[in-house]
PDB file of N, CA and C in Angstrom:
ATOM      1  N   MET A   1      27.502  93.266  66.238  1.00  0.00           N
ATOM      2  CA  MET A   1      26.276  92.557  66.528  1.00  0.00           C
ATOM      3  C   MET A   1      25.435  92.395  65.262  1.00  0.00           C
ATOM      4  N   LEU A   2      25.379  93.426  64.434  1.00  0.00           N
ATOM      5  CA  LEU A   2      24.626  93.348  63.188  1.00  0.00           C
ATOM      6  C   LEU A   2      25.225  92.288  62.268  1.00  0.00           C
ATOM      7  N   GLU A   3      26.556  92.212  62.256  1.00  0.00           N
ATOM      8  CA  GLU A   3      27.239  91.210  61.418  1.00  0.00           C
ATOM      9  C   GLU A   3      26.890  89.797  61.879  1.00  0.00           C
ATOM     10  N   ALA A   4      26.831  89.583  63.187  1.00  0.00           N
ATOM     11  CA  ALA A   4      26.478  88.267  63.730  1.00  0.00           C
ATOM     12  C   ALA A   4      25.039  87.922  63.357  1.00  0.00           C
ATOM     13  N   SER A   5      24.144  88.890  63.440  1.00  0.00           N
ATOM     14  CA  SER A   5      22.747  88.647  63.075  1.00  0.00           C
ATOM     15  C   SER A   5      22.606  88.329  61.595  1.00  0.00           C
ATOM     16  N   LEU A   6      23.366  89.063  60.756  1.00  0.00           N
ATOM     17  CA  LEU A   6      23.329  88.790  59.330  1.00  0.00           C
ATOM     18  C   LEU A   6      23.883  87.392  59.025  1.00  0.00           C
ATOM     19  N   SER A   7      24.924  86.992  59.734  1.00  0.00           N
ATOM     20  CA  SER A   7      25.498  85.655  59.549  1.00  0.00           C
ATOM     21  C   SER A   7      24.497  84.577  59.952  1.00  0.00           C
ATOM     22  N   GLN A   8      23.829  84.803  61.066  1.00  0.00           N
ATOM     23  CA  GLN A   8      22.809  83.845  61.512  1.00  0.00           C
ATOM     24  C   GLN A   8      21.662  83.769  60.506  1.00  0.00           C
ATOM     25  N   LEU A   9      21.240  84.934  60.021  1.00  0.00           N
ATOM     26  CA  LEU A   9      20.155  84.979  59.040  1.00  0.00           C
ATOM     27  C   LEU A   9      20.573  84.263  57.753  1.00  0.00           C
ATOM     28  N   GLU A  10      21.806  84.498  57.330  1.00  0.00           N
ATOM     29  CA  GLU A  10      22.306  83.827  56.129  1.00  0.00           C
ATOM     30  C   GLU A  10      22.320  82.310  56.316  1.00  0.00           C
ATOM     31  N   GLN A  11      22.753  81.862  57.487  1.00  0.00           N
ATOM     32  CA  GLN A  11      22.794  80.424  57.763  1.00  0.00           C
ATOM     33  C   GLN A  11      21.377  79.843  57.776  1.00  0.00           C
ATOM     34  N   LEU A  12      20.441  80.570  58.381  1.00  0.00           N
ATOM     35  CA  LEU A  12      19.044  80.105  58.416  1.00  0.00           C
ATOM     36  C   LEU A  12      18.467  80.016  57.007  1.00  0.00           C
ATOM     37  N   VAL A  13      18.748  80.997  56.180  1.00  0.00           N
ATOM     38  CA  VAL A  13      18.260  80.979  54.795  1.00  0.00           C
ATOM     39  C   VAL A  13      18.870  79.796  54.043  1.00  0.00           C
ATOM     40  N   ASN A  14      20.167  79.584  54.228  1.00  0.00           N
ATOM     41  CA  ASN A  14      20.829  78.443  53.582  1.00  0.00           C
ATOM     42  C   ASN A  14      20.217  77.117  54.043  1.00  0.00           C
ATOM     43  N   ASP A  15      19.953  77.025  55.333  1.00  0.00           N
ATOM     44  CA  ASP A  15      19.329  75.805  55.870  1.00  0.00           C
ATOM     45  C   ASP A  15      17.939  75.601  55.270  1.00  0.00           C
ATOM     46  N   LEU A  16      17.180  76.677  55.170  1.00  0.00           N
ATOM     47  CA  LEU A  16      15.826  76.579  54.604  1.00  0.00           C
ATOM     48  C   LEU A  16      15.860  76.209  53.121  1.00  0.00           C
ATOM     49  N   VAL A  17      16.798  76.767  52.397  1.00  0.00           N
ATOM     50  CA  VAL A  17      16.934  76.427  50.973  1.00  0.00           C
ATOM     51  C   VAL A  17      17.281  74.945  50.825  1.00  0.00           C
ATOM     52  N   GLN A  18      18.202  74.453  51.647  1.00  0.00           N
ATOM     53  CA  GLN A  18      18.566  73.035  51.585  1.00  0.00           C
ATOM     54  C   GLN A  18      17.388  72.153  51.977  1.00  0.00           C
ATOM     55  N   GLN A  19      16.677  72.564  53.016  1.00  0.00           N
ATOM     56  CA  GLN A  19      15.505  71.790  53.440  1.00  0.00           C
ATOM     57  C   GLN A  19      14.454  71.770  52.326  1.00  0.00           C
ATOM     58  N   ASN A  20      14.280  72.890  51.648  1.00  0.00           N
ATOM     59  CA  ASN A  20      13.336  72.956  50.533  1.00  0.00           C
ATOM     60  C   ASN A  20      13.755  71.998  49.416  1.00  0.00           C
ATOM     61  N   ARG A  21      15.043  71.952  49.106  1.00  0.00           N
ATOM     62  CA  ARG A  21      15.545  71.025  48.077  1.00  0.00           C
ATOM     63  C   ARG A  21      15.271  69.574  48.474  1.00  0.00           C
ATOM     64  N   ASP A  22      15.562  69.282  49.750  1.00  0.00           N
ATOM     65  CA  ASP A  22      15.350  67.920  50.246  1.00  0.00           C
ATOM     66  C   ASP A  22      13.874  67.537  50.163  1.00  0.00           C
ATOM     67  N   LEU A  23      13.008  68.448  50.579  1.00  0.00           N
ATOM     68  CA  LEU A  23      11.573  68.165  50.551  1.00  0.00           C
ATOM     69  C   LEU A  23      11.043  68.059  49.127  1.00  0.00           C
ATOM     70  N   THR A  24      11.577  68.875  48.226  1.00  0.00           N
ATOM     71  CA  THR A  24      11.166  68.799  46.822  1.00  0.00           C
ATOM     72  C   THR A  24      11.560  67.448  46.236  1.00  0.00           C
ATOM     73  N   SER A  25      12.757  67.006  46.551  1.00  0.00           N
ATOM     74  CA  SER A  25      13.222  65.701  46.072  1.00  0.00           C
ATOM     75  C   SER A  25      12.349  64.577  46.645  1.00  0.00           C
ATOM     76  N   LEU A  26      12.063  64.655  47.932  1.00  0.00           N
ATOM     77  CA  LEU A  26      11.212  63.650  48.574  1.00  0.00           C
ATOM     78  C   LEU A  26       9.819  63.654  47.953  1.00  0.00           C
ATOM     79  N   ASN A  27       9.290  64.832  47.681  1.00  0.00           N
ATOM     80  CA  ASN A  27       7.979  64.956  47.069  1.00  0.00           C
ATOM     81  C   ASN A  27       7.950  64.301  45.687  1.00  0.00           C
ATOM     82  N   GLU A  28       8.999  64.514  44.910  1.00  0.00           N
ATOM     83  CA  GLU A  28       9.090  63.900  43.579  1.00  0.00           C
ATOM     84  C   GLU A  28       9.135  62.374  43.694  1.00  0.00           C
ATOM     85  N   THR A  29       9.913  61.890  44.650  1.00  0.00           N
ATOM     86  CA  THR A  29      10.012  60.444  44.868  1.00  0.00           C
ATOM     87  C   THR A  29       8.659  59.871  45.266  1.00  0.00           C
ATOM     88  N   LEU A  30       7.992  60.536  46.211  1.00  0.00           N
ATOM     89  CA  LEU A  30       6.691  60.053  46.668  1.00  0.00           C
ATOM     90  C   LEU A  30       5.641  60.124  45.567  1.00  0.00           C
ATOM     91  N   SER A  31       5.711  61.145  44.740  1.00  0.00           N
ATOM     92  CA  SER A  31       4.776  61.268  43.619  1.00  0.00           C
ATOM     93  C   SER A  31       4.965  60.119  42.633  1.00  0.00           C
ATOM     94  N   ALA A  32       6.214  59.777  42.366  1.00  0.00           N
ATOM     95  CA  ALA A  32       6.496  58.661  41.458  1.00  0.00           C
ATOM     96  C   ALA A  32       6.005  57.339  42.060  1.00  0.00           C
ATOM     97  N   GLU A  33       6.236  57.150  43.347  1.00  0.00           N
ATOM     98  CA  GLU A  33       5.771  55.932  44.015  1.00  0.00           C
ATOM     99  C   GLU A  33       4.244  55.861  44.025  1.00  0.00           C
ATOM    100  N   LEU A  34       3.599  56.997  44.224  1.00  0.00           N
ATOM    101  CA  LEU A  34       2.133  57.035  44.212  1.00  0.00           C
ATOM    102  C   LEU A  34       1.596  56.675  42.831  1.00  0.00           C
ATOM    103  N   ALA A  35       2.206  57.209  41.792  1.00  0.00           N
ATOM    104  CA  ALA A  35       1.779  56.897  40.427  1.00  0.00           C
ATOM    105  C   ALA A  35       1.937  55.400  40.161  1.00  0.00           C
ATOM    106  N   LYS A  36       3.042  54.833  40.617  1.00  0.00           N
ATOM    107  CA  LYS A  36       3.273  53.400  40.434  1.00  0.00           C
ATOM    108  C   LYS A  36       2.228  52.592  41.209  1.00  0.00           C
ATOM    109  N   ALA A  37       1.942  52.998  42.430  1.00  0.00           N
ATOM    110  CA  ALA A  37       0.949  52.291  43.239  1.00  0.00           C
ATOM    111  C   ALA A  37      -0.443  52.379  42.602  1.00  0.00           C
ATOM    112  N   LYS A  38      -0.765  53.544  42.025  1.00  0.00           N
ATOM    113  CA  LYS A  38      -2.062  53.680  41.347  1.00  0.00           C
ATOM    114  C   LYS A  38      -2.148  52.755  40.145  1.00  0.00           C
ATOM    115  N   ASP A  39      -1.060  52.659  39.386  1.00  0.00           N
ATOM    116  CA  ASP A  39      -1.029  51.751  38.233  1.00  0.00           C
ATOM    117  C   ASP A  39      -1.203  50.298  38.679  1.00  0.00           C
ATOM    118  N   GLU A  40      -0.487  49.928  39.739  1.00  0.00           N
ATOM    119  CA  GLU A  40      -0.597  48.563  40.258  1.00  0.00           C
ATOM    120  C   GLU A  40      -2.007  48.292  40.759  1.00  0.00           C
ATOM    121  N   ASN A  41      -2.601  49.272  41.422  1.00  0.00           N
ATOM    122  CA  ASN A  41      -3.959  49.126  41.939  1.00  0.00           C
ATOM    123  C   ASN A  41      -4.945  48.921  40.793  1.00  0.00           C
ATOM    124  N   GLU A  42      -4.796  49.709  39.745  1.00  0.00           N
ATOM    125  CA  GLU A  42      -5.680  49.582  38.590  1.00  0.00           C
ATOM    126  C   GLU A  42      -5.530  48.198  37.957  1.00  0.00           C
ATOM    127  N   SER A  43      -4.303  47.743  37.838  1.00  0.00           N
ATOM    128  CA  SER A  43      -4.040  46.426  37.269  1.00  0.00           C
ATOM    129  C   SER A  43      -4.668  45.328  38.127  1.00  0.00           C
ATOM    130  N   LEU A  44      -4.516  45.461  39.432  1.00  0.00           N
ATOM    131  CA  LEU A  44      -5.104  44.469  40.340  1.00  0.00           C
ATOM    132  C   LEU A  44      -6.629  44.481  40.269  1.00  0.00           C
ATOM    133  N   GLN A  45      -7.221  45.663  40.137  1.00  0.00           N
ATOM    134  CA  GLN A  45      -8.673  45.741  40.025  1.00  0.00           C
ATOM    135  C   GLN A  45      -9.158  45.077  38.744  1.00  0.00           C
ATOM    136  N   LEU A  46      -8.454  45.297  37.644  1.00  0.00           N
ATOM    137  CA  LEU A  46      -8.817  44.640  36.390  1.00  0.00           C
ATOM    138  C   LEU A  46      -8.673  43.126  36.513  1.00  0.00           C
ATOM    139  N   ASN A  47      -7.603  42.700  37.154  1.00  0.00           N
ATOM    140  CA  ASN A  47      -7.390  41.279  37.403  1.00  0.00           C
ATOM    141  C   ASN A  47      -8.535  40.687  38.215  1.00  0.00           C
ATOM    142  N   LEU A  48      -8.941  41.401  39.244  1.00  0.00           N
ATOM    143  CA  LEU A  48     -10.036  40.951  40.095  1.00  0.00           C
ATOM    144  C   LEU A  48     -11.326  40.825  39.296  1.00  0.00           C
ATOM    145  N   MET A  49     -11.607  41.806  38.450  1.00  0.00           N
ATOM    146  CA  MET A  49     -12.808  41.758  37.631  1.00  0.00           C
ATOM    147  C   MET A  49     -12.783  40.538  36.703  1.00  0.00           C
ATOM    148  N   GLU A  50     -11.628  40.259  36.112  1.00  0.00           N
ATOM    149  CA  GLU A  50     -11.497  39.091  35.245  1.00  0.00           C
ATOM    150  C   GLU A  50     -11.726  37.810  36.040  1.00  0.00           C
ATOM    151  N   GLN A  51     -11.153  37.742  37.231  1.00  0.00           N
ATOM    152  CA  GLN A  51     -11.332  36.561  38.075  1.00  0.00           C
ATOM    153  C   GLN A  51     -12.793  36.384  38.478  1.00  0.00           C
ATOM    154  N   GLU A  52     -13.469  37.498  38.784  1.00  0.00           N
ATOM    155  CA  GLU A  52     -14.885  37.418  39.142  1.00  0.00           C
ATOM    156  C   GLU A  52     -15.715  36.913  37.969  1.00  0.00           C
ATOM    157  N   GLU A  53     -15.374  37.345  36.752  1.00  0.00           N
ATOM    158  CA  GLU A  53     -16.081  36.862  35.562  1.00  0.00           C
ATOM    159  C   GLU A  53     -15.868  35.365  35.401  1.00  0.00           C
ATOM    160  N   LEU A  54     -14.621  34.918  35.543  1.00  0.00           N
ATOM    161  CA  LEU A  54     -14.327  33.490  35.431  1.00  0.00           C
ATOM    162  C   LEU A  54     -15.050  32.697  36.513  1.00  0.00           C
ATOM    163  N   HIS A  55     -15.057  33.247  37.713  1.00  0.00           N
ATOM    164  CA  HIS A  55     -15.733  32.579  38.830  1.00  0.00           C
ATOM    165  C   HIS A  55     -17.229  32.459  38.542  1.00  0.00           C
ATOM    166  N   GLY A  56     -17.815  33.526  38.025  1.00  0.00           N
ATOM    167  CA  GLY A  56     -19.235  33.508  37.685  1.00  0.00           C
ATOM    168  C   GLY A  56     -19.540  32.477  36.613  1.00  0.00           C
ATOM    169  N   ALA A  57     -18.691  32.411  35.603  1.00  0.00           N
ATOM    170  CA  ALA A  57     -18.886  31.435  34.525  1.00  0.00           C
ATOM    171  C   ALA A  57     -18.733  30.015  35.055  1.00  0.00           C
ATOM    172  N   THR A  58     -17.751  29.806  35.895  1.00  0.00           N
ATOM    173  CA  THR A  58     -17.538  28.476  36.473  1.00  0.00           C
ATOM    174  C   THR A  58     -18.723  28.077  37.344  1.00  0.00           C
ATOM    175  N   THR A  59     -19.222  29.014  38.132  1.00  0.00           N
ATOM    176  CA  THR A  59     -20.376  28.742  38.986  1.00  0.00           C
ATOM    177  C   THR A  59     -21.587  28.358  38.149  1.00  0.00           C
ATOM    178  N   ALA A  60     -21.807  29.081  37.068  1.00  0.00           N
ATOM    179  CA  ALA A  60     -22.947  28.778  36.195  1.00  0.00           C
ATOM    180  C   ALA A  60     -22.807  27.382  35.593  1.00  0.00           C
ATOM    181  N   ARG A  61     -21.605  27.010  35.174  1.00  0.00           N
ATOM    182  CA  ARG A  61     -21.393  25.673  34.600  1.00  0.00           C
ATOM    183  C   ARG A  61     -21.621  24.583  35.637  1.00  0.00           C
ATOM    184  N   ILE A  62     -21.134  24.815  36.855  1.00  0.00           N
ATOM    185  CA  ILE A  62     -21.319  23.816  37.918  1.00  0.00           C
ATOM    186  C   ILE A  62     -22.800  23.663  38.239  1.00  0.00           C
ATOM    187  N   LYS A  63     -23.526  24.774  38.321  1.00  0.00           N
ATOM    188  CA  LYS A  63     -24.966  24.699  38.603  1.00  0.00           C
ATOM    189  C   LYS A  63     -25.693  23.925  37.502  1.00  0.00           C
ATOM    190  N   ALA A  64     -25.297  24.168  36.257  1.00  0.00           N
ATOM    191  CA  ALA A  64     -25.922  23.455  35.142  1.00  0.00           C
ATOM    192  C   ALA A  64     -25.633  21.963  35.234  1.00  0.00           C
ATOM    193  N   LEU A  65     -24.408  21.603  35.582  1.00  0.00           N
ATOM    194  CA  LEU A  65     -24.067  20.191  35.729  1.00  0.00           C
ATOM    195  C   LEU A  65     -24.831  19.540  36.868  1.00  0.00           C
ATOM    196  N   VAL A  66     -24.939  20.249  37.984  1.00  0.00           N
ATOM    197  CA  VAL A  66     -25.684  19.720  39.127  1.00  0.00           C
ATOM    198  C   VAL A  66     -27.153  19.536  38.749  1.00  0.00           C
ATOM    199  N   GLU A  67     -27.704  20.499  38.018  1.00  0.00           N
ATOM    200  CA  GLU A  67     -29.099  20.384  37.596  1.00  0.00           C
ATOM    201  C   GLU A  67     -29.285  19.201  36.651  1.00  0.00           C
ATOM    202  N   ARG A  68     -28.354  19.020  35.716  1.00  0.00           N
ATOM    203  CA  ARG A  68     -28.432  17.874  34.808  1.00  0.00           C
ATOM    204  C   ARG A  68     -28.346  16.570  35.566  1.00  0.00           C
ATOM    205  N   ALA A  69     -27.437  16.530  36.547  1.00  0.00           N
ATOM    206  CA  ALA A  69     -27.285  15.311  37.346  1.00  0.00           C
ATOM    207  C   ALA A  69     -28.547  15.055  38.156  1.00  0.00           C
ATOM    208  N   SER A  70     -29.134  16.109  38.709  1.00  0.00           N
ATOM    209  CA  SER A  70     -30.375  15.962  39.480  1.00  0.00           C
ATOM    210  C   SER A  70     -31.514  15.472  38.590  1.00  0.00           C
ATOM    211  N   ASN A  71     -31.608  16.025  37.407  1.00  0.00           N
ATOM    212  CA  ASN A  71     -32.656  15.625  36.463  1.00  0.00           C
ATOM    213  C   ASN A  71     -32.451  14.177  36.019  1.00  0.00           C
ATOM    214  N   ALA A  72     -31.200  13.789  35.791  1.00  0.00           N
ATOM    215  CA  ALA A  72     -30.908  12.418  35.382  1.00  0.00           C
ATOM    216  C   ALA A  72     -31.262  11.448  36.496  1.00  0.00           C
ATOM    217  N   THR A  73     -30.981  11.834  37.727  1.00  0.00           N
ATOM    218  CA  THR A  73     -31.280  10.978  38.878  1.00  0.00           C
ATOM    219  C   THR A  73     -32.788  10.873  39.069  1.00  0.00           C
ATOM    220  N   ALA A  74     -33.490  11.990  38.880  1.00  0.00           N
ATOM    221  CA  ALA A  74     -34.950  11.990  39.038  1.00  0.00           C
ATOM    222  C   ALA A  74     -35.617  11.160  37.956  1.00  0.00           C
ATOM    223  N   SER A  75     -35.042  11.151  36.760  1.00  0.00           N
ATOM    224  CA  SER A  75     -35.613  10.386  35.650  1.00  0.00           C
ATOM    225  C   SER A  75     -35.347   8.903  35.785  1.00  0.00           C
ATOM    226  N   ALA A  76     -34.294   8.550  36.475  1.00  0.00           N
ATOM    227  CA  ALA A  76     -33.926   7.140  36.583  1.00  0.00           C
ATOM    228  C   ALA A  76     -34.699   6.453  37.623  1.00  0.00           C
TER     229      ALA A  76
END
């Protein structure tokens, strides 16, 4: 009976060691994917900021043109 219990315990330990290896590997994979996602997120945020700057500049130019057109129409 003691031998059977030791065999079961050995099998459980082996299973736990394998599960630990599997989880460690999964953790490494997920960590790498998270790092990649953070890099992509940062890049997208910088892109968004650049687009917002361009949008702001374009808006200012359009407003200036509309004002010039309004002034030209009022003067005519």
